[in-house]
Amino acid sequence: MEKVENKIKEMIETIRPYLNMDGGDIEFVKYEDNIVYIKLTGACNNCLGQDSTINDSLLPMFQEEVKEIKGIINIPI
């Protein structure tokens, strides 16, 4: 599981600059039961498109690298 978490963290570091350009950020919280828990912060915290970003962009990208991932859940601030 540590290997999977490290891969997830690497992927988050890759996408972080793109979120930062729009005033947002992303934090890794945990990986449990094939679910990635994240915290969207900054502009992403209140963005109406966050569900779309998670389900249409982040999830497919994460699943491409880690097939076991079943979902991504944003933990609200």
PDB file of N, CA and C in Angstrom:
ATOM      1  N   MET A   1       0.825  -1.193   0.000  1.00  0.00           N
ATOM      2  CA  MET A   1       0.000   0.000   0.000  1.00  0.00           C
ATOM      3  C   MET A   1       0.874   1.262   0.000  1.00  0.00           C
ATOM      4  N   GLU A   2       2.034   1.205   0.621  1.00  0.00           N
ATOM      5  CA  GLU A   2       2.930   2.360   0.650  1.00  0.00           C
ATOM      6  C   GLU A   2       3.368   2.739  -0.764  1.00  0.00           C
ATOM      7  N   LYS A   3       3.582   1.744  -1.604  1.00  0.00           N
ATOM      8  CA  LYS A   3       3.960   1.993  -2.996  1.00  0.00           C
ATOM      9  C   LYS A   3       2.852   2.748  -3.732  1.00  0.00           C
ATOM     10  N   VAL A   4       1.603   2.345  -3.485  1.00  0.00           N
ATOM     11  CA  VAL A   4       0.459   3.009  -4.111  1.00  0.00           C
ATOM     12  C   VAL A   4       0.357   4.442  -3.604  1.00  0.00           C
ATOM     13  N   GLU A   5       0.495   4.645  -2.315  1.00  0.00           N
ATOM     14  CA  GLU A   5       0.431   5.996  -1.745  1.00  0.00           C
ATOM     15  C   GLU A   5       1.518   6.888  -2.332  1.00  0.00           C
ATOM     16  N   ASN A   6       2.709   6.356  -2.479  1.00  0.00           N
ATOM     17  CA  ASN A   6       3.798   7.142  -3.054  1.00  0.00           C
ATOM     18  C   ASN A   6       3.486   7.535  -4.488  1.00  0.00           C
ATOM     19  N   LYS A   7       2.905   6.630  -5.255  1.00  0.00           N
ATOM     20  CA  LYS A   7       2.536   6.933  -6.634  1.00  0.00           C
ATOM     21  C   LYS A   7       1.470   8.030  -6.677  1.00  0.00           C
ATOM     22  N   ILE A   8       0.487   7.923  -5.791  1.00  0.00           N
ATOM     23  CA  ILE A   8      -0.576   8.937  -5.711  1.00  0.00           C
ATOM     24  C   ILE A   8       0.027  10.295  -5.369  1.00  0.00           C
ATOM     25  N   LYS A   9       0.929  10.330  -4.411  1.00  0.00           N
ATOM     26  CA  LYS A   9       1.570  11.585  -4.014  1.00  0.00           C
ATOM     27  C   LYS A   9       2.373  12.183  -5.169  1.00  0.00           C
ATOM     28  N   GLU A  10       3.054  11.333  -5.930  1.00  0.00           N
ATOM     29  CA  GLU A  10       3.794  11.807  -7.106  1.00  0.00           C
ATOM     30  C   GLU A  10       2.840  12.432  -8.117  1.00  0.00           C
ATOM     31  N   MET A  11       1.711  11.794  -8.341  1.00  0.00           N
ATOM     32  CA  MET A  11       0.739  12.305  -9.300  1.00  0.00           C
ATOM     33  C   MET A  11       0.165  13.644  -8.833  1.00  0.00           C
ATOM     34  N   ILE A  12      -0.084  13.765  -7.547  1.00  0.00           N
ATOM     35  CA  ILE A  12      -0.592  15.021  -6.993  1.00  0.00           C
ATOM     36  C   ILE A  12       0.425  16.138  -7.214  1.00  0.00           C
ATOM     37  N   GLU A  13       1.696  15.843  -7.011  1.00  0.00           N
ATOM     38  CA  GLU A  13       2.736  16.856  -7.232  1.00  0.00           C
ATOM     39  C   GLU A  13       2.792  17.271  -8.699  1.00  0.00           C
ATOM     40  N   THR A  14       2.454  16.361  -9.601  1.00  0.00           N
ATOM     41  CA  THR A  14       2.447  16.663 -11.030  1.00  0.00           C
ATOM     42  C   THR A  14       1.307  17.605 -11.399  1.00  0.00           C
ATOM     43  N   ILE A  15       0.139  17.412 -10.785  1.00  0.00           N
ATOM     44  CA  ILE A  15      -1.014  18.249 -11.149  1.00  0.00           C
ATOM     45  C   ILE A  15      -1.118  19.527 -10.322  1.00  0.00           C
ATOM     46  N   ARG A  16      -0.439  19.564  -9.196  1.00  0.00           N
ATOM     47  CA  ARG A  16      -0.509  20.732  -8.301  1.00  0.00           C
ATOM     48  C   ARG A  16      -0.233  22.058  -9.018  1.00  0.00           C
ATOM     49  N   PRO A  17       0.800  22.175  -9.849  1.00  0.00           N
ATOM     50  CA  PRO A  17       1.057  23.470 -10.508  1.00  0.00           C
ATOM     51  C   PRO A  17      -0.121  23.967 -11.356  1.00  0.00           C
ATOM     52  N   TYR A  18      -0.858  23.061 -11.962  1.00  0.00           N
ATOM     53  CA  TYR A  18      -2.002  23.456 -12.777  1.00  0.00           C
ATOM     54  C   TYR A  18      -3.133  24.018 -11.915  1.00  0.00           C
ATOM     55  N   LEU A  19      -3.347  23.416 -10.764  1.00  0.00           N
ATOM     56  CA  LEU A  19      -4.354  23.939  -9.841  1.00  0.00           C
ATOM     57  C   LEU A  19      -3.893  25.268  -9.243  1.00  0.00           C
ATOM     58  N   ASN A  20      -2.588  25.364  -8.953  1.00  0.00           N
ATOM     59  CA  ASN A  20      -2.034  26.603  -8.399  1.00  0.00           C
ATOM     60  C   ASN A  20      -2.209  27.774  -9.355  1.00  0.00           C
ATOM     61  N   MET A  21      -2.139  27.523 -10.663  1.00  0.00           N
ATOM     62  CA  MET A  21      -2.303  28.597 -11.647  1.00  0.00           C
ATOM     63  C   MET A  21      -3.685  29.236 -11.557  1.00  0.00           C
ATOM     64  N   ASP A  22      -4.674  28.466 -11.100  1.00  0.00           N
ATOM     65  CA  ASP A  22      -6.033  28.986 -10.952  1.00  0.00           C
ATOM     66  C   ASP A  22      -6.351  29.374  -9.509  1.00  0.00           C
ATOM     67  N   GLY A  23      -5.328  29.400  -8.652  1.00  0.00           N
ATOM     68  CA  GLY A  23      -5.527  29.809  -7.273  1.00  0.00           C
ATOM     69  C   GLY A  23      -5.949  28.689  -6.344  1.00  0.00           C
ATOM     70  N   GLY A  24      -5.865  27.449  -6.816  1.00  0.00           N
ATOM     71  CA  GLY A  24      -6.267  26.309  -5.996  1.00  0.00           C
ATOM     72  C   GLY A  24      -5.086  25.455  -5.591  1.00  0.00           C
ATOM     73  N   ASP A  25      -5.387  24.419  -4.848  1.00  0.00           N
ATOM     74  CA  ASP A  25      -4.358  23.474  -4.439  1.00  0.00           C
ATOM     75  C   ASP A  25      -5.029  22.151  -4.073  1.00  0.00           C
ATOM     76  N   ILE A  26      -4.220  21.132  -3.909  1.00  0.00           N
ATOM     77  CA  ILE A  26      -4.711  19.802  -3.567  1.00  0.00           C
ATOM     78  C   ILE A  26      -3.776  19.187  -2.543  1.00  0.00           C
ATOM     79  N   GLU A  27      -4.345  18.525  -1.563  1.00  0.00           N
ATOM     80  CA  GLU A  27      -3.567  17.840  -0.534  1.00  0.00           C
ATOM     81  C   GLU A  27      -3.983  16.379  -0.481  1.00  0.00           C
ATOM     82  N   PHE A  28      -3.016  15.487  -0.335  1.00  0.00           N
ATOM     83  CA  PHE A  28      -3.296  14.077  -0.118  1.00  0.00           C
ATOM     84  C   PHE A  28      -3.664  13.894   1.344  1.00  0.00           C
ATOM     85  N   VAL A  29      -4.776  13.193   1.610  1.00  0.00           N
ATOM     86  CA  VAL A  29      -5.185  12.914   2.986  1.00  0.00           C
ATOM     87  C   VAL A  29      -4.858  11.468   3.333  1.00  0.00           C
ATOM     88  N   LYS A  30      -5.395  10.529   2.528  1.00  0.00           N
ATOM     89  CA  LYS A  30      -5.113   9.113   2.776  1.00  0.00           C
ATOM     90  C   LYS A  30      -5.587   8.281   1.593  1.00  0.00           C
ATOM     91  N   TYR A  31      -5.146   7.031   1.576  1.00  0.00           N
ATOM     92  CA  TYR A  31      -5.598   6.039   0.607  1.00  0.00           C
ATOM     93  C   TYR A  31      -6.087   4.853   1.418  1.00  0.00           C
ATOM     94  N   GLU A  32      -7.368   4.530   1.256  1.00  0.00           N
ATOM     95  CA  GLU A  32      -7.961   3.465   2.069  1.00  0.00           C
ATOM     96  C   GLU A  32      -9.063   2.775   1.285  1.00  0.00           C
ATOM     97  N   ASP A  33      -9.072   1.447   1.293  1.00  0.00           N
ATOM     98  CA  ASP A  33     -10.099   0.656   0.608  1.00  0.00           C
ATOM     99  C   ASP A  33     -10.255   1.066  -0.855  1.00  0.00           C
ATOM    100  N   ASN A  34      -9.114   1.288  -1.519  1.00  0.00           N
ATOM    101  CA  ASN A  34      -9.061   1.651  -2.945  1.00  0.00           C
ATOM    102  C   ASN A  34      -9.675   3.017  -3.244  1.00  0.00           C
ATOM    103  N   ILE A  35      -9.820   3.854  -2.248  1.00  0.00           N
ATOM    104  CA  ILE A  35     -10.340   5.214  -2.399  1.00  0.00           C
ATOM    105  C   ILE A  35      -9.235   6.194  -2.013  1.00  0.00           C
ATOM    106  N   VAL A  36      -9.050   7.216  -2.846  1.00  0.00           N
ATOM    107  CA  VAL A  36      -8.098   8.283  -2.557  1.00  0.00           C
ATOM    108  C   VAL A  36      -8.871   9.420  -1.906  1.00  0.00           C
ATOM    109  N   TYR A  37      -8.431   9.846  -0.751  1.00  0.00           N
ATOM    110  CA  TYR A  37      -9.038  10.975  -0.051  1.00  0.00           C
ATOM    111  C   TYR A  37      -8.112  12.175  -0.213  1.00  0.00           C
ATOM    112  N   ILE A  38      -8.677  13.252  -0.715  1.00  0.00           N
ATOM    113  CA  ILE A  38      -7.924  14.475  -0.948  1.00  0.00           C
ATOM    114  C   ILE A  38      -8.631  15.644  -0.283  1.00  0.00           C
ATOM    115  N   LYS A  39      -7.939  16.772  -0.237  1.00  0.00           N
ATOM    116  CA  LYS A  39      -8.546  18.011   0.232  1.00  0.00           C
ATOM    117  C   LYS A  39      -8.223  19.076  -0.803  1.00  0.00           C
ATOM    118  N   LEU A  40      -9.261  19.596  -1.460  1.00  0.00           N
ATOM    119  CA  LEU A  40      -9.085  20.698  -2.389  1.00  0.00           C
ATOM    120  C   LEU A  40      -9.142  21.996  -1.597  1.00  0.00           C
ATOM    121  N   THR A  41      -8.164  22.856  -1.816  1.00  0.00           N
ATOM    122  CA  THR A  41      -8.078  24.096  -1.058  1.00  0.00           C
ATOM    123  C   THR A  41      -7.972  25.291  -2.002  1.00  0.00           C
ATOM    124  N   GLY A  42      -7.942  26.473  -1.412  1.00  0.00           N
ATOM    125  CA  GLY A  42      -7.857  27.693  -2.209  1.00  0.00           C
ATOM    126  C   GLY A  42      -9.099  27.843  -3.068  1.00  0.00           C
ATOM    127  N   ALA A  43      -8.917  28.305  -4.293  1.00  0.00           N
ATOM    128  CA  ALA A  43     -10.040  28.522  -5.201  1.00  0.00           C
ATOM    129  C   ALA A  43     -10.797  27.226  -5.491  1.00  0.00           C
ATOM    130  N   CYS A  44     -10.105  26.099  -5.421  1.00  0.00           N
ATOM    131  CA  CYS A  44     -10.756  24.803  -5.694  1.00  0.00           C
ATOM    132  C   CYS A  44     -11.765  24.428  -4.607  1.00  0.00           C
ATOM    133  N   ASN A  45     -11.574  24.950  -3.399  1.00  0.00           N
ATOM    134  CA  ASN A  45     -12.451  24.616  -2.289  1.00  0.00           C
ATOM    135  C   ASN A  45     -13.898  25.029  -2.556  1.00  0.00           C
ATOM    136  N   ASN A  46     -14.098  26.190  -3.156  1.00  0.00           N
ATOM    137  CA  ASN A  46     -15.448  26.699  -3.387  1.00  0.00           C
ATOM    138  C   ASN A  46     -15.896  26.589  -4.838  1.00  0.00           C
ATOM    139  N   CYS A  47     -15.099  25.956  -5.659  1.00  0.00           N
ATOM    140  CA  CYS A  47     -15.402  25.874  -7.089  1.00  0.00           C
ATOM    141  C   CYS A  47     -16.594  24.954  -7.345  1.00  0.00           C
ATOM    142  N   LEU A  48     -17.530  25.436  -8.136  1.00  0.00           N
ATOM    143  CA  LEU A  48     -18.697  24.626  -8.484  1.00  0.00           C
ATOM    144  C   LEU A  48     -18.330  23.451  -9.380  1.00  0.00           C
ATOM    145  N   GLY A  49     -17.183  23.513 -10.024  1.00  0.00           N
ATOM    146  CA  GLY A  49     -16.765  22.447 -10.934  1.00  0.00           C
ATOM    147  C   GLY A  49     -15.889  21.395 -10.291  1.00  0.00           C
ATOM    148  N   GLN A  50     -15.770  21.402  -8.961  1.00  0.00           N
ATOM    149  CA  GLN A  50     -14.854  20.457  -8.331  1.00  0.00           C
ATOM    150  C   GLN A  50     -15.260  18.998  -8.539  1.00  0.00           C
ATOM    151  N   ASP A  51     -16.559  18.691  -8.556  1.00  0.00           N
ATOM    152  CA  ASP A  51     -16.980  17.308  -8.806  1.00  0.00           C
ATOM    153  C   ASP A  51     -16.572  16.869 -10.211  1.00  0.00           C
ATOM    154  N   SER A  52     -16.730  17.764 -11.160  1.00  0.00           N
ATOM    155  CA  SER A  52     -16.328  17.479 -12.535  1.00  0.00           C
ATOM    156  C   SER A  52     -14.819  17.296 -12.623  1.00  0.00           C
ATOM    157  N   THR A  53     -14.075  18.146 -11.963  1.00  0.00           N
ATOM    158  CA  THR A  53     -12.620  18.030 -11.959  1.00  0.00           C
ATOM    159  C   THR A  53     -12.190  16.691 -11.383  1.00  0.00           C
ATOM    160  N   ILE A  54     -12.812  16.300 -10.287  1.00  0.00           N
ATOM    161  CA  ILE A  54     -12.448  15.043  -9.635  1.00  0.00           C
ATOM    162  C   ILE A  54     -12.827  13.854 -10.503  1.00  0.00           C
ATOM    163  N   ASN A  55     -14.081  13.799 -10.948  1.00  0.00           N
ATOM    164  CA  ASN A  55     -14.577  12.609 -11.646  1.00  0.00           C
ATOM    165  C   ASN A  55     -14.165  12.519 -13.106  1.00  0.00           C
ATOM    166  N   ASP A  56     -14.027  13.663 -13.774  1.00  0.00           N
ATOM    167  CA  ASP A  56     -13.739  13.641 -15.201  1.00  0.00           C
ATOM    168  C   ASP A  56     -12.255  13.803 -15.525  1.00  0.00           C
ATOM    169  N   SER A  57     -11.502  14.375 -14.609  1.00  0.00           N
ATOM    170  CA  SER A  57     -10.086  14.612 -14.881  1.00  0.00           C
ATOM    171  C   SER A  57      -9.170  13.796 -13.967  1.00  0.00           C
ATOM    172  N   LEU A  58      -9.321  13.995 -12.661  1.00  0.00           N
ATOM    173  CA  LEU A  58      -8.409  13.343 -11.726  1.00  0.00           C
ATOM    174  C   LEU A  58      -8.586  11.830 -11.678  1.00  0.00           C
ATOM    175  N   LEU A  59      -9.814  11.364 -11.555  1.00  0.00           N
ATOM    176  CA  LEU A  59     -10.042   9.928 -11.408  1.00  0.00           C
ATOM    177  C   LEU A  59      -9.488   9.126 -12.584  1.00  0.00           C
ATOM    178  N   PRO A  60      -9.802   9.483 -13.830  1.00  0.00           N
ATOM    179  CA  PRO A  60      -9.233   8.703 -14.936  1.00  0.00           C
ATOM    180  C   PRO A  60      -7.699   8.732 -14.967  1.00  0.00           C
ATOM    181  N   MET A  61      -7.121   9.882 -14.637  1.00  0.00           N
ATOM    182  CA  MET A  61      -5.664   9.997 -14.622  1.00  0.00           C
ATOM    183  C   MET A  61      -5.060   9.095 -13.542  1.00  0.00           C
ATOM    184  N   PHE A  62      -5.655   9.114 -12.356  1.00  0.00           N
ATOM    185  CA  PHE A  62      -5.158   8.279 -11.266  1.00  0.00           C
ATOM    186  C   PHE A  62      -5.336   6.803 -11.599  1.00  0.00           C
ATOM    187  N   GLN A  63      -6.481   6.436 -12.168  1.00  0.00           N
ATOM    188  CA  GLN A  63      -6.748   5.034 -12.498  1.00  0.00           C
ATOM    189  C   GLN A  63      -5.834   4.518 -13.599  1.00  0.00           C
ATOM    190  N   GLU A  64      -5.375   5.398 -14.457  1.00  0.00           N
ATOM    191  CA  GLU A  64      -4.446   4.985 -15.503  1.00  0.00           C
ATOM    192  C   GLU A  64      -3.134   4.508 -14.897  1.00  0.00           C
ATOM    193  N   GLU A  65      -2.723   5.143 -13.819  1.00  0.00           N
ATOM    194  CA  GLU A  65      -1.465   4.799 -13.156  1.00  0.00           C
ATOM    195  C   GLU A  65      -1.637   3.721 -12.089  1.00  0.00           C
ATOM    196  N   VAL A  66      -2.782   3.732 -11.392  1.00  0.00           N
ATOM    197  CA  VAL A  66      -3.043   2.781 -10.303  1.00  0.00           C
ATOM    198  C   VAL A  66      -4.423   2.179 -10.538  1.00  0.00           C
ATOM    199  N   LYS A  67      -4.450   1.019 -11.154  1.00  0.00           N
ATOM    200  CA  LYS A  67      -5.711   0.375 -11.568  1.00  0.00           C
ATOM    201  C   LYS A  67      -6.655   0.087 -10.401  1.00  0.00           C
ATOM    202  N   GLU A  68      -6.115  -0.080  -9.198  1.00  0.00           N
ATOM    203  CA  GLU A  68      -6.930  -0.442  -8.036  1.00  0.00           C
ATOM    204  C   GLU A  68      -7.826   0.689  -7.541  1.00  0.00           C
ATOM    205  N   ILE A  69      -7.538   1.911  -7.919  1.00  0.00           N
ATOM    206  CA  ILE A  69      -8.304   3.055  -7.412  1.00  0.00           C
ATOM    207  C   ILE A  69      -9.733   2.995  -7.936  1.00  0.00           C
ATOM    208  N   LYS A  70     -10.680   3.044  -7.015  1.00  0.00           N
ATOM    209  CA  LYS A  70     -12.111   2.983  -7.344  1.00  0.00           C
ATOM    210  C   LYS A  70     -12.765   4.351  -7.322  1.00  0.00           C
ATOM    211  N   GLY A  71     -12.176   5.295  -6.594  1.00  0.00           N
ATOM    212  CA  GLY A  71     -12.787   6.611  -6.501  1.00  0.00           C
ATOM    213  C   GLY A  71     -11.885   7.592  -5.786  1.00  0.00           C
ATOM    214  N   ILE A  72     -12.290   8.856  -5.871  1.00  0.00           N
ATOM    215  CA  ILE A  72     -11.613   9.944  -5.187  1.00  0.00           C
ATOM    216  C   ILE A  72     -12.669  10.722  -4.412  1.00  0.00           C
ATOM    217  N   ILE A  73     -12.397  10.966  -3.146  1.00  0.00           N
ATOM    218  CA  ILE A  73     -13.320  11.710  -2.311  1.00  0.00           C
ATOM    219  C   ILE A  73     -12.618  12.954  -1.794  1.00  0.00           C
ATOM    220  N   ASN A  74     -13.270  14.104  -1.988  1.00  0.00           N
ATOM    221  CA  ASN A  74     -12.759  15.359  -1.449  1.00  0.00           C
ATOM    222  C   ASN A  74     -13.285  15.529  -0.032  1.00  0.00           C
ATOM    223  N   ILE A  75     -12.374  15.753   0.892  1.00  0.00           N
ATOM    224  CA  ILE A  75     -12.731  16.012   2.282  1.00  0.00           C
ATOM    225  C   ILE A  75     -12.873  17.527   2.421  1.00  0.00           C
ATOM    226  N   PRO A  76     -14.089  18.037   2.626  1.00  0.00           N
ATOM    227  CA  PRO A  76     -14.261  19.487   2.725  1.00  0.00           C
ATOM    228  C   PRO A  76     -13.502  20.061   3.919  1.00  0.00           C
ATOM    229  N   ILE A  77     -13.093  21.303   3.759  1.00  0.00           N
ATOM    230  CA  ILE A  77     -12.356  21.991   4.825  1.00  0.00           C
ATOM    231  C   ILE A  77     -13.313  22.326   5.960  1.00  0.00           C
TER     232      ILE A  77
END
